[in-house]
Amino acid sequence: MIWIVFSIGILLAVVGATSSTALVSMSRLELVQAVSRQLRGGPGSLAWLAEMETYLGITAALTALGMTILGVATPALFTGVSLLGFFALMILVVIPVVLFGGYLLPRWVARSRPEAFRAAVVPVLRPVSASSLCSFPHAPGRPAPISAPSGARVRLRSPAGMKS
């Protein structure tokens, strides 16, 4: 039974961290493209940032929940092991598994193919975000998504001392 709990913790931590990394990678790319379009005078809205913020909050919560489950389940895995054996297993097995599964693997997977991973994760996060509105606070007076005021123009200036 404890191995099932431990596996659930690893799964939640890896999926949460990988999803978060993929969403951040793609958000950076989309933000650069949206700002570039707006600087060139084209249409562009940053309303998608609010939705992405919700998804990133959920992935952070999944990662934290997975790591908490791992922290609670780990001592139960080592009942009956001597103190020296416990520290040896922690240093040689548990810590490398957590570092690899919670940090290195998610970054490797998400950075190699962030578009594909995000396309697979967002359909799962969408219903989770809809159901999480009941449990997560949602301020009714929350500021509107960031966007340029209508009619506003961004003026590009040349570096100091250069004539344009």
Protein backbone atom coordinates (compact mmCIF):
# COMPACT_ATOMS: atom_id res chain seq x y z
CA MET A 1 0.00 0.00 0.00
CA ILE A 2 2.79 2.43 0.85
CA TRP A 3 4.37 1.82 -2.57
CA ILE A 4 1.12 2.91 -4.22
CA VAL A 5 1.10 6.13 -2.20
CA PHE A 6 4.78 6.68 -2.98
CA SER A 7 4.13 6.11 -6.71
CA ILE A 8 1.20 8.54 -6.69
CA GLY A 9 3.46 11.14 -5.07
CA ILE A 10 6.16 10.67 -7.70
CA LEU A 11 3.59 10.78 -10.51
CA LEU A 12 2.00 14.01 -9.23
CA ALA A 13 5.38 15.68 -8.69
CA VAL A 14 6.73 14.71 -12.13
CA VAL A 15 3.54 15.61 -14.02
CA GLY A 16 3.17 18.90 -12.14
CA ALA A 17 6.79 19.94 -12.65
CA THR A 18 6.84 18.89 -16.30
CA SER A 19 3.55 20.64 -17.04
CA SER A 20 4.74 23.79 -15.34
CA THR A 21 7.99 23.82 -17.29
CA ALA A 22 6.21 23.26 -20.61
CA LEU A 23 3.63 25.97 -19.88
CA VAL A 24 6.29 28.50 -18.89
CA SER A 25 8.39 27.71 -21.98
CA MET A 26 5.47 28.16 -24.33
CA SER A 27 4.17 31.23 -22.48
CA ARG A 28 7.49 32.96 -22.92
CA LEU A 29 7.43 32.27 -26.64
CA GLU A 30 3.82 33.44 -27.00
CA LEU A 31 4.51 36.55 -24.92
CA VAL A 32 7.44 37.52 -27.14
CA GLN A 33 5.29 37.03 -30.25
CA ALA A 34 2.35 39.03 -28.81
CA VAL A 35 4.55 41.92 -27.73
CA SER A 36 6.30 41.88 -31.11
CA ARG A 37 2.93 42.11 -32.89
CA GLN A 38 1.84 44.98 -30.65
CA LEU A 39 5.11 46.85 -31.19
CA ARG A 40 4.59 46.60 -34.94
CA GLY A 41 1.10 48.05 -34.53
CA GLY A 42 -0.74 44.80 -35.12
CA PRO A 43 -3.56 43.39 -33.08
CA GLY A 44 -2.67 41.40 -30.05
CA SER A 45 -4.24 40.58 -26.77
CA LEU A 46 -2.62 39.34 -23.62
CA ALA A 47 -5.89 38.01 -22.19
CA TRP A 48 -4.53 34.45 -22.37
CA LEU A 49 -2.14 35.33 -19.52
CA ALA A 50 -4.97 35.04 -16.97
CA GLU A 51 -5.80 31.52 -18.14
CA MET A 52 -2.12 30.56 -18.12
CA GLU A 53 -1.78 31.93 -14.58
CA THR A 54 -4.54 29.58 -13.44
CA TYR A 55 -2.91 26.60 -15.15
CA LEU A 56 0.48 27.42 -13.62
CA GLY A 57 -1.12 27.67 -10.18
CA ILE A 58 -2.65 24.23 -10.62
CA THR A 59 0.62 22.70 -11.78
CA ALA A 60 2.45 24.25 -8.83
CA ALA A 61 -0.19 22.81 -6.49
CA LEU A 62 0.17 19.37 -8.11
CA THR A 63 3.95 19.50 -7.71
CA ALA A 64 3.67 20.57 -4.07
CA LEU A 65 1.07 17.88 -3.35
CA GLY A 66 3.27 15.23 -4.95
CA MET A 67 6.32 16.33 -2.98
CA THR A 68 4.29 16.38 0.24
CA ILE A 69 3.03 12.85 -0.39
CA LEU A 70 6.61 11.76 -1.06
CA GLY A 71 7.78 13.38 2.17
CA VAL A 72 5.08 11.65 4.17
CA ALA A 73 5.47 8.25 2.49
CA THR A 74 9.26 8.06 2.50
CA PRO A 75 9.77 7.26 6.21
CA ALA A 76 7.18 4.48 6.02
CA LEU A 77 9.22 2.81 3.27
CA PHE A 78 12.11 2.37 5.66
CA THR A 79 10.45 0.90 8.73
CA GLY A 80 12.67 -1.77 10.19
CA VAL A 81 15.84 -0.35 8.64
CA SER A 82 18.70 0.73 10.88
CA LEU A 83 19.51 4.43 11.20
CA LEU A 84 22.69 4.03 9.16
CA GLY A 85 20.78 2.12 6.47
CA PHE A 86 18.09 4.80 6.47
CA PHE A 87 20.60 7.59 5.83
CA ALA A 88 22.40 5.52 3.19
CA LEU A 89 19.15 4.83 1.33
CA MET A 90 18.10 8.47 1.61
CA ILE A 91 21.38 9.75 0.21
CA LEU A 92 21.91 7.05 -2.41
CA VAL A 93 18.34 6.34 -3.56
CA VAL A 94 15.60 8.74 -2.46
CA ILE A 95 17.33 12.09 -2.99
CA PRO A 96 18.61 11.19 -6.49
CA VAL A 97 15.16 9.85 -7.47
CA VAL A 98 13.44 13.01 -6.26
CA LEU A 99 15.98 15.28 -7.98
CA PHE A 100 15.79 13.33 -11.22
CA GLY A 101 12.01 12.89 -11.17
CA GLY A 102 11.11 16.32 -9.84
CA TYR A 103 13.67 18.51 -11.55
CA LEU A 104 15.85 16.99 -14.29
CA LEU A 105 13.33 14.76 -16.07
CA PRO A 106 10.59 17.41 -16.27
CA ARG A 107 12.95 19.98 -17.75
CA TRP A 108 14.38 17.52 -20.24
CA VAL A 109 10.92 16.37 -21.40
CA ALA A 110 9.31 19.82 -21.44
CA ARG A 111 12.16 21.65 -23.14
CA SER A 112 12.61 19.08 -25.86
CA ARG A 113 8.97 19.26 -27.03
CA PRO A 114 7.04 21.95 -25.11
CA GLU A 115 4.34 22.40 -27.77
CA ALA A 116 3.40 18.72 -27.80
CA PHE A 117 3.45 18.43 -24.03
CA ARG A 118 1.35 21.56 -23.58
CA ALA A 119 -1.14 20.30 -26.16
CA ALA A 120 -1.50 17.13 -24.09
CA VAL A 121 -1.66 18.86 -20.70
CA VAL A 122 -3.99 21.82 -21.30
CA PRO A 123 -7.07 19.65 -22.06
CA VAL A 124 -6.50 17.93 -18.70
CA LEU A 125 -5.91 21.19 -16.82
CA ARG A 126 -8.98 22.92 -18.26
CA PRO A 127 -11.55 20.83 -16.32
CA VAL A 128 -9.30 20.82 -13.25
CA SER A 129 -9.18 24.62 -13.32
CA ALA A 130 -12.96 24.80 -13.71
CA SER A 131 -13.47 22.53 -10.72
CA SER A 132 -10.79 24.30 -8.66
CA LEU A 133 -12.72 27.57 -8.69
CA CYS A 134 -14.71 26.15 -5.78
CA SER A 135 -11.62 25.56 -3.64
CA PHE A 136 -9.23 28.31 -4.72
CA PRO A 137 -10.07 31.91 -3.89
CA HIS A 138 -11.13 34.00 -6.84
CA ALA A 139 -11.33 37.69 -6.14
CA PRO A 140 -14.32 39.34 -7.83
CA GLY A 141 -12.42 42.63 -8.05
CA ARG A 142 -9.47 41.03 -9.78
CA PRO A 143 -7.79 43.36 -12.26
CA ALA A 144 -8.53 42.87 -15.92
CA PRO A 145 -5.99 41.06 -18.08
CA ILE A 146 -3.08 43.18 -19.21
CA SER A 147 -3.67 44.89 -22.51
CA ALA A 148 -2.75 48.17 -24.10
CA PRO A 149 -5.38 50.90 -23.88
CA SER A 150 -7.25 51.46 -27.12
CA GLY A 151 -5.51 53.98 -29.30
CA ALA A 152 -2.25 53.67 -27.39
CA ARG A 153 0.88 53.43 -29.47
CA VAL A 154 4.31 52.31 -28.47
CA ARG A 155 7.06 54.53 -29.76
CA LEU A 156 10.41 52.99 -30.44
CA ARG A 157 13.36 55.22 -29.73
CA SER A 158 16.78 54.83 -31.19
CA PRO A 159 19.72 54.50 -28.81
CA ALA A 160 21.08 57.74 -27.39
CA GLY A 161 23.22 59.71 -29.80
CA MET A 162 21.92 57.99 -32.93
CA LYS A 163 19.87 59.84 -35.50
CA SER A 164 16.86 58.08 -36.93
